[in-house]
Amino acid sequence: MKELNYVEIGRRIKKARINIGISQEAAAELCGLSPSFYSNIERGVKIMSLNTFISICSAFSLSADYLLKDSLPNSDTNILNILSEAKKSGRVQYEKYIKAITALAEVVDQL
């Protein structure tokens, strides 16, 4: 079994925090942690409990897969399958899906 890389997990947590534009102190409060413990997690110095891990995932709306492995569970495959099915329904349906995905991406970019 492969060992967890807590430094990499911490880097992904830090990246998520920076992406939403909050300080370590605000992130710690959001997760119900002390600022020093939260800082140690981001640096990979401290090993967090499962409850703390879940709290961080929830606070930042992150999947556990992303934090642990830097990947999202089958999301690319699921999207491709949905588009494949839409394409079978015809060009008009497929183009509607593409427009919806494009519009969603534009909205997310503005957040």
PDB file of N, CA and C in Angstrom:
ATOM      1  N   MET A   1       0.836  -1.179   0.000  1.00  0.00           N
ATOM      2  CA  MET A   1       0.000   0.000   0.000  1.00  0.00           C
ATOM      3  C   MET A   1       0.884   1.247   0.000  1.00  0.00           C
ATOM      4  N   LYS A   2       0.538   2.205  -0.815  1.00  0.00           N
ATOM      5  CA  LYS A   2       1.318   3.422  -0.961  1.00  0.00           C
ATOM      6  C   LYS A   2       1.071   4.352   0.228  1.00  0.00           C
ATOM      7  N   GLU A   3       2.143   4.926   0.753  1.00  0.00           N
ATOM      8  CA  GLU A   3       2.056   5.873   1.867  1.00  0.00           C
ATOM      9  C   GLU A   3       1.436   7.190   1.385  1.00  0.00           C
ATOM     10  N   LEU A   4       0.690   7.827   2.275  1.00  0.00           N
ATOM     11  CA  LEU A   4       0.138   9.140   1.954  1.00  0.00           C
ATOM     12  C   LEU A   4       1.240  10.187   2.016  1.00  0.00           C
ATOM     13  N   ASN A   5       1.209  11.101   1.085  1.00  0.00           N
ATOM     14  CA  ASN A   5       2.170  12.193   1.057  1.00  0.00           C
ATOM     15  C   ASN A   5       1.490  13.421   1.662  1.00  0.00           C
ATOM     16  N   TYR A   6       1.729  13.645   2.954  1.00  0.00           N
ATOM     17  CA  TYR A   6       1.049  14.730   3.659  1.00  0.00           C
ATOM     18  C   TYR A   6       1.491  16.108   3.192  1.00  0.00           C
ATOM     19  N   VAL A   7       2.703  16.214   2.672  1.00  0.00           N
ATOM     20  CA  VAL A   7       3.153  17.492   2.126  1.00  0.00           C
ATOM     21  C   VAL A   7       2.336  17.837   0.886  1.00  0.00           C
ATOM     22  N   GLU A   8       2.122  16.863   0.010  1.00  0.00           N
ATOM     23  CA  GLU A   8       1.316  17.099  -1.194  1.00  0.00           C
ATOM     24  C   GLU A   8      -0.139  17.384  -0.846  1.00  0.00           C
ATOM     25  N   ILE A   9      -0.681  16.655   0.114  1.00  0.00           N
ATOM     26  CA  ILE A   9      -2.057  16.916   0.553  1.00  0.00           C
ATOM     27  C   ILE A   9      -2.152  18.345   1.078  1.00  0.00           C
ATOM     28  N   GLY A  10      -1.183  18.752   1.874  1.00  0.00           N
ATOM     29  CA  GLY A  10      -1.152  20.113   2.402  1.00  0.00           C
ATOM     30  C   GLY A  10      -1.070  21.160   1.302  1.00  0.00           C
ATOM     31  N   ARG A  11      -0.290  20.871   0.276  1.00  0.00           N
ATOM     32  CA  ARG A  11      -0.177  21.814  -0.859  1.00  0.00           C
ATOM     33  C   ARG A  11      -1.515  21.964  -1.579  1.00  0.00           C
ATOM     34  N   ARG A  12      -2.238  20.853  -1.732  1.00  0.00           N
ATOM     35  CA  ARG A  12      -3.545  20.931  -2.391  1.00  0.00           C
ATOM     36  C   ARG A  12      -4.551  21.694  -1.526  1.00  0.00           C
ATOM     37  N   ILE A  13      -4.472  21.512  -0.219  1.00  0.00           N
ATOM     38  CA  ILE A  13      -5.344  22.269   0.689  1.00  0.00           C
ATOM     39  C   ILE A  13      -5.020  23.758   0.594  1.00  0.00           C
ATOM     40  N   LYS A  14      -3.733  24.081   0.600  1.00  0.00           N
ATOM     41  CA  LYS A  14      -3.317  25.486   0.488  1.00  0.00           C
ATOM     42  C   LYS A  14      -3.785  26.088  -0.835  1.00  0.00           C
ATOM     43  N   LYS A  15      -3.643  25.338  -1.906  1.00  0.00           N
ATOM     44  CA  LYS A  15      -4.074  25.815  -3.225  1.00  0.00           C
ATOM     45  C   LYS A  15      -5.573  26.115  -3.210  1.00  0.00           C
ATOM     46  N   ALA A  16      -6.364  25.232  -2.601  1.00  0.00           N
ATOM     47  CA  ALA A  16      -7.815  25.450  -2.518  1.00  0.00           C
ATOM     48  C   ALA A  16      -8.125  26.700  -1.707  1.00  0.00           C
ATOM     49  N   ARG A  17      -7.411  26.887  -0.606  1.00  0.00           N
ATOM     50  CA  ARG A  17      -7.627  28.069   0.243  1.00  0.00           C
ATOM     51  C   ARG A  17      -7.308  29.348  -0.522  1.00  0.00           C
ATOM     52  N   ILE A  18      -6.188  29.347  -1.217  1.00  0.00           N
ATOM     53  CA  ILE A  18      -5.781  30.525  -1.990  1.00  0.00           C
ATOM     54  C   ILE A  18      -6.776  30.799  -3.114  1.00  0.00           C
ATOM     55  N   ASN A  19      -7.264  29.739  -3.751  1.00  0.00           N
ATOM     56  CA  ASN A  19      -8.231  29.906  -4.843  1.00  0.00           C
ATOM     57  C   ASN A  19      -9.517  30.574  -4.385  1.00  0.00           C
ATOM     58  N   ILE A  20      -9.920  30.331  -3.142  1.00  0.00           N
ATOM     59  CA  ILE A  20     -11.138  30.998  -2.669  1.00  0.00           C
ATOM     60  C   ILE A  20     -10.823  32.322  -1.978  1.00  0.00           C
ATOM     61  N   GLY A  21      -9.532  32.642  -1.862  1.00  0.00           N
ATOM     62  CA  GLY A  21      -9.112  33.959  -1.403  1.00  0.00           C
ATOM     63  C   GLY A  21      -9.279  34.233   0.079  1.00  0.00           C
ATOM     64  N   ILE A  22      -8.980  33.238   0.917  1.00  0.00           N
ATOM     65  CA  ILE A  22      -9.066  33.475   2.355  1.00  0.00           C
ATOM     66  C   ILE A  22      -7.721  33.210   3.023  1.00  0.00           C
ATOM     67  N   SER A  23      -7.542  33.807   4.183  1.00  0.00           N
ATOM     68  CA  SER A  23      -6.300  33.645   4.936  1.00  0.00           C
ATOM     69  C   SER A  23      -6.284  32.287   5.633  1.00  0.00           C
ATOM     70  N   GLN A  24      -5.108  31.917   6.125  1.00  0.00           N
ATOM     71  CA  GLN A  24      -5.006  30.681   6.914  1.00  0.00           C
ATOM     72  C   GLN A  24      -5.880  30.774   8.162  1.00  0.00           C
ATOM     73  N   GLU A  25      -5.908  31.933   8.775  1.00  0.00           N
ATOM     74  CA  GLU A  25      -6.709  32.112   9.988  1.00  0.00           C
ATOM     75  C   GLU A  25      -8.188  31.901   9.693  1.00  0.00           C
ATOM     76  N   ALA A  26      -8.665  32.471   8.583  1.00  0.00           N
ATOM     77  CA  ALA A  26     -10.068  32.305   8.203  1.00  0.00           C
ATOM     78  C   ALA A  26     -10.363  30.845   7.861  1.00  0.00           C
ATOM     79  N   ALA A  27      -9.428  30.193   7.190  1.00  0.00           N
ATOM     80  CA  ALA A  27      -9.603  28.783   6.837  1.00  0.00           C
ATOM     81  C   ALA A  27      -9.656  27.921   8.093  1.00  0.00           C
ATOM     82  N   ALA A  28      -8.780  28.215   9.035  1.00  0.00           N
ATOM     83  CA  ALA A  28      -8.763  27.462  10.289  1.00  0.00           C
ATOM     84  C   ALA A  28     -10.101  27.600  11.007  1.00  0.00           C
ATOM     85  N   GLU A  29     -10.609  28.811  11.056  1.00  0.00           N
ATOM     86  CA  GLU A  29     -11.898  29.042  11.710  1.00  0.00           C
ATOM     87  C   GLU A  29     -13.018  28.310  10.975  1.00  0.00           C
ATOM     88  N   LEU A  30     -12.987  28.365   9.663  1.00  0.00           N
ATOM     89  CA  LEU A  30     -13.988  27.678   8.850  1.00  0.00           C
ATOM     90  C   LEU A  30     -13.983  26.170   9.101  1.00  0.00           C
ATOM     91  N   CYS A  31     -12.811  25.623   9.359  1.00  0.00           N
ATOM     92  CA  CYS A  31     -12.656  24.185   9.588  1.00  0.00           C
ATOM     93  C   CYS A  31     -12.758  23.801  11.066  1.00  0.00           C
ATOM     94  N   GLY A  32     -12.866  24.792  11.939  1.00  0.00           N
ATOM     95  CA  GLY A  32     -12.936  24.508  13.363  1.00  0.00           C
ATOM     96  C   GLY A  32     -11.611  24.078  13.963  1.00  0.00           C
ATOM     97  N   LEU A  33     -10.511  24.638  13.442  1.00  0.00           N
ATOM     98  CA  LEU A  33      -9.169  24.268  13.894  1.00  0.00           C
ATOM     99  C   LEU A  33      -8.436  25.492  14.423  1.00  0.00           C
ATOM    100  N   SER A  34      -7.408  25.253  15.198  1.00  0.00           N
ATOM    101  CA  SER A  34      -6.562  26.372  15.614  1.00  0.00           C
ATOM    102  C   SER A  34      -5.718  26.795  14.412  1.00  0.00           C
ATOM    103  N   PRO A  35      -5.390  28.087  14.310  1.00  0.00           N
ATOM    104  CA  PRO A  35      -4.573  28.545  13.180  1.00  0.00           C
ATOM    105  C   PRO A  35      -3.224  27.821  13.083  1.00  0.00           C
ATOM    106  N   SER A  36      -2.602  27.534  14.218  1.00  0.00           N
ATOM    107  CA  SER A  36      -1.296  26.870  14.155  1.00  0.00           C
ATOM    108  C   SER A  36      -1.420  25.429  13.646  1.00  0.00           C
ATOM    109  N   PHE A  37      -2.451  24.714  14.084  1.00  0.00           N
ATOM    110  CA  PHE A  37      -2.645  23.342  13.607  1.00  0.00           C
ATOM    111  C   PHE A  37      -2.969  23.343  12.116  1.00  0.00           C
ATOM    112  N   TYR A  38      -3.828  24.283  11.699  1.00  0.00           N
ATOM    113  CA  TYR A  38      -4.168  24.373  10.275  1.00  0.00           C
ATOM    114  C   TYR A  38      -2.912  24.651   9.447  1.00  0.00           C
ATOM    115  N   SER A  39      -2.070  25.570   9.913  1.00  0.00           N
ATOM    116  CA  SER A  39      -0.825  25.890   9.212  1.00  0.00           C
ATOM    117  C   SER A  39       0.058  24.649   9.086  1.00  0.00           C
ATOM    118  N   ASN A  40       0.144  23.868  10.159  1.00  0.00           N
ATOM    119  CA  ASN A  40       0.938  22.639  10.124  1.00  0.00           C
ATOM    120  C   ASN A  40       0.379  21.626   9.120  1.00  0.00           C
ATOM    121  N   ILE A  41      -0.928  21.577   8.976  1.00  0.00           N
ATOM    122  CA  ILE A  41      -1.546  20.678   7.993  1.00  0.00           C
ATOM    123  C   ILE A  41      -1.154  21.115   6.582  1.00  0.00           C
ATOM    124  N   GLU A  42      -1.254  22.419   6.310  1.00  0.00           N
ATOM    125  CA  GLU A  42      -0.893  22.923   4.975  1.00  0.00           C
ATOM    126  C   GLU A  42       0.564  22.634   4.639  1.00  0.00           C
ATOM    127  N   ARG A  43       1.425  22.639   5.630  1.00  0.00           N
ATOM    128  CA  ARG A  43       2.847  22.371   5.396  1.00  0.00           C
ATOM    129  C   ARG A  43       3.181  20.891   5.440  1.00  0.00           C
ATOM    130  N   GLY A  44       2.199  20.062   5.781  1.00  0.00           N
ATOM    131  CA  GLY A  44       2.428  18.623   5.834  1.00  0.00           C
ATOM    132  C   GLY A  44       3.196  18.180   7.061  1.00  0.00           C
ATOM    133  N   VAL A  45       3.251  19.038   8.075  1.00  0.00           N
ATOM    134  CA  VAL A  45       4.002  18.750   9.296  1.00  0.00           C
ATOM    135  C   VAL A  45       3.195  17.880  10.256  1.00  0.00           C
ATOM    136  N   LYS A  46       1.893  18.093  10.300  1.00  0.00           N
ATOM    137  CA  LYS A  46       1.021  17.338  11.203  1.00  0.00           C
ATOM    138  C   LYS A  46       0.093  16.437  10.395  1.00  0.00           C
ATOM    139  N   ILE A  47      -0.192  15.281  10.967  1.00  0.00           N
ATOM    140  CA  ILE A  47      -1.137  14.341  10.361  1.00  0.00           C
ATOM    141  C   ILE A  47      -2.501  14.613  10.975  1.00  0.00           C
ATOM    142  N   MET A  48      -3.485  14.845  10.127  1.00  0.00           N
ATOM    143  CA  MET A  48      -4.823  15.179  10.620  1.00  0.00           C
ATOM    144  C   MET A  48      -5.661  13.924  10.826  1.00  0.00           C
ATOM    145  N   SER A  49      -6.651  14.043  11.686  1.00  0.00           N
ATOM    146  CA  SER A  49      -7.592  12.947  11.903  1.00  0.00           C
ATOM    147  C   SER A  49      -8.556  12.870  10.717  1.00  0.00           C
ATOM    148  N   LEU A  50      -9.275  11.790  10.640  1.00  0.00           N
ATOM    149  CA  LEU A  50     -10.279  11.639   9.584  1.00  0.00           C
ATOM    150  C   LEU A  50     -11.348  12.716   9.719  1.00  0.00           C
ATOM    151  N   ASN A  51     -11.747  13.034  10.956  1.00  0.00           N
ATOM    152  CA  ASN A  51     -12.750  14.089  11.151  1.00  0.00           C
ATOM    153  C   ASN A  51     -12.249  15.433  10.642  1.00  0.00           C
ATOM    154  N   THR A  52     -10.980  15.738  10.889  1.00  0.00           N
ATOM    155  CA  THR A  52     -10.400  16.990  10.399  1.00  0.00           C
ATOM    156  C   THR A  52     -10.336  16.977   8.878  1.00  0.00           C
ATOM    157  N   PHE A  53      -9.950  15.862   8.299  1.00  0.00           N
ATOM    158  CA  PHE A  53      -9.889  15.723   6.844  1.00  0.00           C
ATOM    159  C   PHE A  53     -11.263  15.989   6.226  1.00  0.00           C
ATOM    160  N   ILE A  54     -12.303  15.400   6.807  1.00  0.00           N
ATOM    161  CA  ILE A  54     -13.668  15.587   6.310  1.00  0.00           C
ATOM    162  C   ILE A  54     -14.093  17.042   6.477  1.00  0.00           C
ATOM    163  N   SER A  55     -13.716  17.646   7.587  1.00  0.00           N
ATOM    164  CA  SER A  55     -14.047  19.049   7.826  1.00  0.00           C
ATOM    165  C   SER A  55     -13.425  19.950   6.766  1.00  0.00           C
ATOM    166  N   ILE A  56     -12.187  19.685   6.408  1.00  0.00           N
ATOM    167  CA  ILE A  56     -11.501  20.475   5.375  1.00  0.00           C
ATOM    168  C   ILE A  56     -12.157  20.247   4.014  1.00  0.00           C
ATOM    169  N   CYS A  57     -12.449  18.998   3.690  1.00  0.00           N
ATOM    170  CA  CYS A  57     -13.129  18.699   2.419  1.00  0.00           C
ATOM    171  C   CYS A  57     -14.450  19.461   2.339  1.00  0.00           C
ATOM    172  N   SER A  58     -15.215  19.436   3.408  1.00  0.00           N
ATOM    173  CA  SER A  58     -16.514  20.116   3.432  1.00  0.00           C
ATOM    174  C   SER A  58     -16.363  21.626   3.348  1.00  0.00           C
ATOM    175  N   ALA A  59     -15.434  22.178   4.113  1.00  0.00           N
ATOM    176  CA  ALA A  59     -15.251  23.629   4.149  1.00  0.00           C
ATOM    177  C   ALA A  59     -14.885  24.199   2.786  1.00  0.00           C
ATOM    178  N   PHE A  60     -14.091  23.462   2.018  1.00  0.00           N
ATOM    179  CA  PHE A  60     -13.630  23.951   0.718  1.00  0.00           C
ATOM    180  C   PHE A  60     -14.342  23.285  -0.466  1.00  0.00           C
ATOM    181  N   SER A  61     -15.357  22.465  -0.180  1.00  0.00           N
ATOM    182  CA  SER A  61     -16.083  21.729  -1.226  1.00  0.00           C
ATOM    183  C   SER A  61     -15.125  20.934  -2.114  1.00  0.00           C
ATOM    184  N   LEU A  62     -14.229  20.195  -1.472  1.00  0.00           N
ATOM    185  CA  LEU A  62     -13.238  19.388  -2.190  1.00  0.00           C
ATOM    186  C   LEU A  62     -13.579  17.910  -2.065  1.00  0.00           C
ATOM    187  N   SER A  63     -13.260  17.164  -3.092  1.00  0.00           N
ATOM    188  CA  SER A  63     -13.442  15.719  -2.993  1.00  0.00           C
ATOM    189  C   SER A  63     -12.231  15.119  -2.282  1.00  0.00           C
ATOM    190  N   ALA A  64     -12.468  14.058  -1.567  1.00  0.00           N
ATOM    191  CA  ALA A  64     -11.370  13.359  -0.896  1.00  0.00           C
ATOM    192  C   ALA A  64     -10.367  12.858  -1.924  1.00  0.00           C
ATOM    193  N   ASP A  65     -10.855  12.392  -3.077  1.00  0.00           N
ATOM    194  CA  ASP A  65      -9.959  11.912  -4.133  1.00  0.00           C
ATOM    195  C   ASP A  65      -8.983  12.998  -4.571  1.00  0.00           C
ATOM    196  N   TYR A  66      -9.495  14.211  -4.712  1.00  0.00           N
ATOM    197  CA  TYR A  66      -8.622  15.304  -5.130  1.00  0.00           C
ATOM    198  C   TYR A  66      -7.518  15.540  -4.101  1.00  0.00           C
ATOM    199  N   LEU A  67      -7.904  15.599  -2.823  1.00  0.00           N
ATOM    200  CA  LEU A  67      -6.888  15.868  -1.798  1.00  0.00           C
ATOM    201  C   LEU A  67      -5.895  14.724  -1.668  1.00  0.00           C
ATOM    202  N   LEU A  68      -6.372  13.500  -1.765  1.00  0.00           N
ATOM    203  CA  LEU A  68      -5.491  12.352  -1.574  1.00  0.00           C
ATOM    204  C   LEU A  68      -4.654  12.028  -2.799  1.00  0.00           C
ATOM    205  N   LYS A  69      -5.246  12.142  -3.994  1.00  0.00           N
ATOM    206  CA  LYS A  69      -4.563  11.675  -5.207  1.00  0.00           C
ATOM    207  C   LYS A  69      -4.423  12.737  -6.285  1.00  0.00           C
ATOM    208  N   ASP A  70      -4.934  13.948  -6.050  1.00  0.00           N
ATOM    209  CA  ASP A  70      -4.917  15.006  -7.061  1.00  0.00           C
ATOM    210  C   ASP A  70      -5.677  14.592  -8.314  1.00  0.00           C
ATOM    211  N   SER A  71      -6.788  13.892  -8.110  1.00  0.00           N
ATOM    212  CA  SER A  71      -7.634  13.534  -9.245  1.00  0.00           C
ATOM    213  C   SER A  71      -9.079  13.506  -8.789  1.00  0.00           C
ATOM    214  N   LEU A  72      -9.945  13.659  -9.737  1.00  0.00           N
ATOM    215  CA  LEU A  72     -11.369  13.597  -9.450  1.00  0.00           C
ATOM    216  C   LEU A  72     -11.903  12.255  -9.915  1.00  0.00           C
ATOM    217  N   PRO A  73     -12.818  11.683  -9.172  1.00  0.00           N
ATOM    218  CA  PRO A  73     -13.281  10.330  -9.483  1.00  0.00           C
ATOM    219  C   PRO A  73     -14.085  10.242 -10.777  1.00  0.00           C
ATOM    220  N   ASN A  74     -13.472   9.696 -11.797  1.00  0.00           N
ATOM    221  CA  ASN A  74     -14.162   9.389 -13.050  1.00  0.00           C
ATOM    222  C   ASN A  74     -14.912  10.563 -13.672  1.00  0.00           C
ATOM    223  N   SER A  75     -14.606  11.792 -13.282  1.00  0.00           N
ATOM    224  CA  SER A  75     -15.380  12.922 -13.796  1.00  0.00           C
ATOM    225  C   SER A  75     -15.212  13.071 -15.309  1.00  0.00           C
ATOM    226  N   ASP A  76     -13.999  12.901 -15.822  1.00  0.00           N
ATOM    227  CA  ASP A  76     -13.797  13.025 -17.264  1.00  0.00           C
ATOM    228  C   ASP A  76     -14.572  11.945 -18.016  1.00  0.00           C
ATOM    229  N   THR A  77     -14.512  10.740 -17.517  1.00  0.00           N
ATOM    230  CA  THR A  77     -15.222   9.634 -18.162  1.00  0.00           C
ATOM    231  C   THR A  77     -16.720   9.873 -18.138  1.00  0.00           C
ATOM    232  N   ASN A  78     -17.239  10.331 -16.998  1.00  0.00           N
ATOM    233  CA  ASN A  78     -18.675  10.593 -16.902  1.00  0.00           C
ATOM    234  C   ASN A  78     -19.117  11.673 -17.881  1.00  0.00           C
ATOM    235  N   ILE A  79     -18.355  12.737 -17.978  1.00  0.00           N
ATOM    236  CA  ILE A  79     -18.700  13.826 -18.895  1.00  0.00           C
ATOM    237  C   ILE A  79     -18.657  13.334 -20.339  1.00  0.00           C
ATOM    238  N   LEU A  80     -17.639  12.586 -20.682  1.00  0.00           N
ATOM    239  CA  LEU A  80     -17.541  12.059 -22.047  1.00  0.00           C
ATOM    240  C   LEU A  80     -18.694  11.119 -22.369  1.00  0.00           C
ATOM    241  N   ASN A  81     -19.096  10.289 -21.408  1.00  0.00           N
ATOM    242  CA  ASN A  81     -20.237   9.395 -21.629  1.00  0.00           C
ATOM    243  C   ASN A  81     -21.532  10.171 -21.835  1.00  0.00           C
ATOM    244  N   ILE A  82     -21.725  11.211 -21.053  1.00  0.00           N
ATOM    245  CA  ILE A  82     -22.931  12.047 -21.200  1.00  0.00           C
ATOM    246  C   ILE A  82     -22.949  12.706 -22.569  1.00  0.00           C
ATOM    247  N   LEU A  83     -21.809  13.245 -22.982  1.00  0.00           N
ATOM    248  CA  LEU A  83     -21.738  13.884 -24.304  1.00  0.00           C
ATOM    249  C   LEU A  83     -21.923  12.872 -25.429  1.00  0.00           C
ATOM    250  N   SER A  84     -21.399  11.684 -25.235  1.00  0.00           N
ATOM    251  CA  SER A  84     -21.574  10.630 -26.233  1.00  0.00           C
ATOM    252  C   SER A  84     -23.052  10.287 -26.412  1.00  0.00           C
ATOM    253  N   GLU A  85     -23.761  10.170 -25.290  1.00  0.00           N
ATOM    254  CA  GLU A  85     -25.199   9.882 -25.349  1.00  0.00           C
ATOM    255  C   GLU A  85     -25.961  11.031 -26.006  1.00  0.00           C
ATOM    256  N   ALA A  86     -25.570  12.263 -25.694  1.00  0.00           N
ATOM    257  CA  ALA A  86     -26.226  13.423 -26.299  1.00  0.00           C
ATOM    258  C   ALA A  86     -25.988  13.451 -27.801  1.00  0.00           C
ATOM    259  N   LYS A  87     -24.803  13.066 -28.218  1.00  0.00           N
ATOM    260  CA  LYS A  87     -24.468  13.049 -29.639  1.00  0.00           C
ATOM    261  C   LYS A  87     -25.333  12.024 -30.386  1.00  0.00           C
ATOM    262  N   LYS A  88     -25.621  10.908 -29.719  1.00  0.00           N
ATOM    263  CA  LYS A  88     -26.479   9.886 -30.328  1.00  0.00           C
ATOM    264  C   LYS A  88     -27.891  10.411 -30.541  1.00  0.00           C
ATOM    265  N   SER A  89     -28.299  11.390 -29.724  1.00  0.00           N
ATOM    266  CA  SER A  89     -29.643  11.958 -29.842  1.00  0.00           C
ATOM    267  C   SER A  89     -29.735  12.956 -30.987  1.00  0.00           C
ATOM    268  N   GLY A  90     -28.614  13.303 -31.546  1.00  0.00           N
ATOM    269  CA  GLY A  90     -28.620  14.221 -32.676  1.00  0.00           C
ATOM    270  C   GLY A  90     -27.780  15.450 -32.417  1.00  0.00           C
ATOM    271  N   ARG A  91     -27.473  16.124 -33.511  1.00  0.00           N
ATOM    272  CA  ARG A  91     -26.594  17.283 -33.449  1.00  0.00           C
ATOM    273  C   ARG A  91     -27.178  18.405 -32.598  1.00  0.00           C
ATOM    274  N   VAL A  92     -28.466  18.635 -32.681  1.00  0.00           N
ATOM    275  CA  VAL A  92     -29.100  19.723 -31.931  1.00  0.00           C
ATOM    276  C   VAL A  92     -28.951  19.481 -30.426  1.00  0.00           C
ATOM    277  N   GLN A  93     -29.255  18.256 -29.998  1.00  0.00           N
ATOM    278  CA  GLN A  93     -29.130  17.919 -28.571  1.00  0.00           C
ATOM    279  C   GLN A  93     -27.692  18.058 -28.103  1.00  0.00           C
ATOM    280  N   TYR A  94     -26.772  17.578 -28.899  1.00  0.00           N
ATOM    281  CA  TYR A  94     -25.349  17.656 -28.565  1.00  0.00           C
ATOM    282  C   TYR A  94     -24.909  19.117 -28.413  1.00  0.00           C
ATOM    283  N   GLU A  95     -25.330  19.960 -29.344  1.00  0.00           N
ATOM    284  CA  GLU A  95     -24.961  21.374 -29.290  1.00  0.00           C
ATOM    285  C   GLU A  95     -25.564  22.061 -28.066  1.00  0.00           C
ATOM    286  N   LYS A  96     -26.755  21.640 -27.653  1.00  0.00           N
ATOM    287  CA  LYS A  96     -27.349  22.184 -26.425  1.00  0.00           C
ATOM    288  C   LYS A  96     -26.482  21.849 -25.221  1.00  0.00           C
ATOM    289  N   TYR A  97     -26.004  20.620 -25.159  1.00  0.00           N
ATOM    290  CA  TYR A  97     -25.141  20.212 -24.048  1.00  0.00           C
ATOM    291  C   TYR A  97     -23.848  21.024 -24.047  1.00  0.00           C
ATOM    292  N   ILE A  98     -23.260  21.201 -25.205  1.00  0.00           N
ATOM    293  CA  ILE A  98     -22.015  21.970 -25.310  1.00  0.00           C
ATOM    294  C   ILE A  98     -22.243  23.412 -24.868  1.00  0.00           C
ATOM    295  N   LYS A  99     -23.343  24.024 -25.291  1.00  0.00           N
ATOM    296  CA  LYS A  99     -23.652  25.399 -24.879  1.00  0.00           C
ATOM    297  C   LYS A  99     -23.860  25.471 -23.368  1.00  0.00           C
ATOM    298  N   ALA A 100     -24.536  24.479 -22.802  1.00  0.00           N
ATOM    299  CA  ALA A 100     -24.775  24.467 -21.354  1.00  0.00           C
ATOM    300  C   ALA A 100     -23.462  24.344 -20.589  1.00  0.00           C
ATOM    301  N   ILE A 101     -22.580  23.481 -21.045  1.00  0.00           N
ATOM    302  CA  ILE A 101     -21.278  23.310 -20.384  1.00  0.00           C
ATOM    303  C   ILE A 101     -20.456  24.589 -20.497  1.00  0.00           C
ATOM    304  N   THR A 102     -20.475  25.208 -21.665  1.00  0.00           N
ATOM    305  CA  THR A 102     -19.738  26.456 -21.871  1.00  0.00           C
ATOM    306  C   THR A 102     -20.273  27.554 -20.962  1.00  0.00           C
ATOM    307  N   ALA A 103     -21.595  27.672 -20.872  1.00  0.00           N
ATOM    308  CA  ALA A 103     -22.207  28.686 -20.004  1.00  0.00           C
ATOM    309  C   ALA A 103     -21.857  28.433 -18.543  1.00  0.00           C
ATOM    310  N   LEU A 104     -21.891  27.185 -18.143  1.00  0.00           N
ATOM    311  CA  LEU A 104     -21.534  26.827 -16.755  1.00  0.00           C
ATOM    312  C   LEU A 104     -20.077  27.191 -16.472  1.00  0.00           C
ATOM    313  N   ALA A 105     -19.197  26.899 -17.406  1.00  0.00           N
ATOM    314  CA  ALA A 105     -17.779  27.213 -17.225  1.00  0.00           C
ATOM    315  C   ALA A 105     -17.576  28.722 -17.085  1.00  0.00           C
ATOM    316  N   GLU A 106     -18.310  29.520 -17.854  1.00  0.00           N
ATOM    317  CA  GLU A 106     -18.201  30.973 -17.769  1.00  0.00           C
ATOM    318  C   GLU A 106     -18.670  31.476 -16.407  1.00  0.00           C
ATOM    319  N   VAL A 107     -19.737  30.901 -15.886  1.00  0.00           N
ATOM    320  CA  VAL A 107     -20.251  31.302 -14.569  1.00  0.00           C
ATOM    321  C   VAL A 107     -19.242  30.926 -13.482  1.00  0.00           C
ATOM    322  N   VAL A 108     -18.698  29.722 -13.564  1.00  0.00           N
ATOM    323  CA  VAL A 108     -17.718  29.279 -12.562  1.00  0.00           C
ATOM    324  C   VAL A 108     -16.483  30.175 -12.591  1.00  0.00           C
ATOM    325  N   ASP A 109     -16.060  30.574 -13.779  1.00  0.00           N
ATOM    326  CA  ASP A 109     -14.890  31.444 -13.899  1.00  0.00           C
ATOM    327  C   ASP A 109     -15.112  32.790 -13.214  1.00  0.00           C
ATOM    328  N   GLN A 110     -16.363  33.229 -13.126  1.00  0.00           N
ATOM    329  CA  GLN A 110     -16.667  34.516 -12.508  1.00  0.00           C
ATOM    330  C   GLN A 110     -16.748  34.428 -10.993  1.00  0.00           C
ATOM    331  N   LEU A 111     -16.796  33.231 -10.430  1.00  0.00           N
ATOM    332  CA  LEU A 111     -16.898  33.072  -8.974  1.00  0.00           C
ATOM    333  C   LEU A 111     -15.597  33.365  -8.284  1.00  0.00           C
TER     334      LEU A 111
END
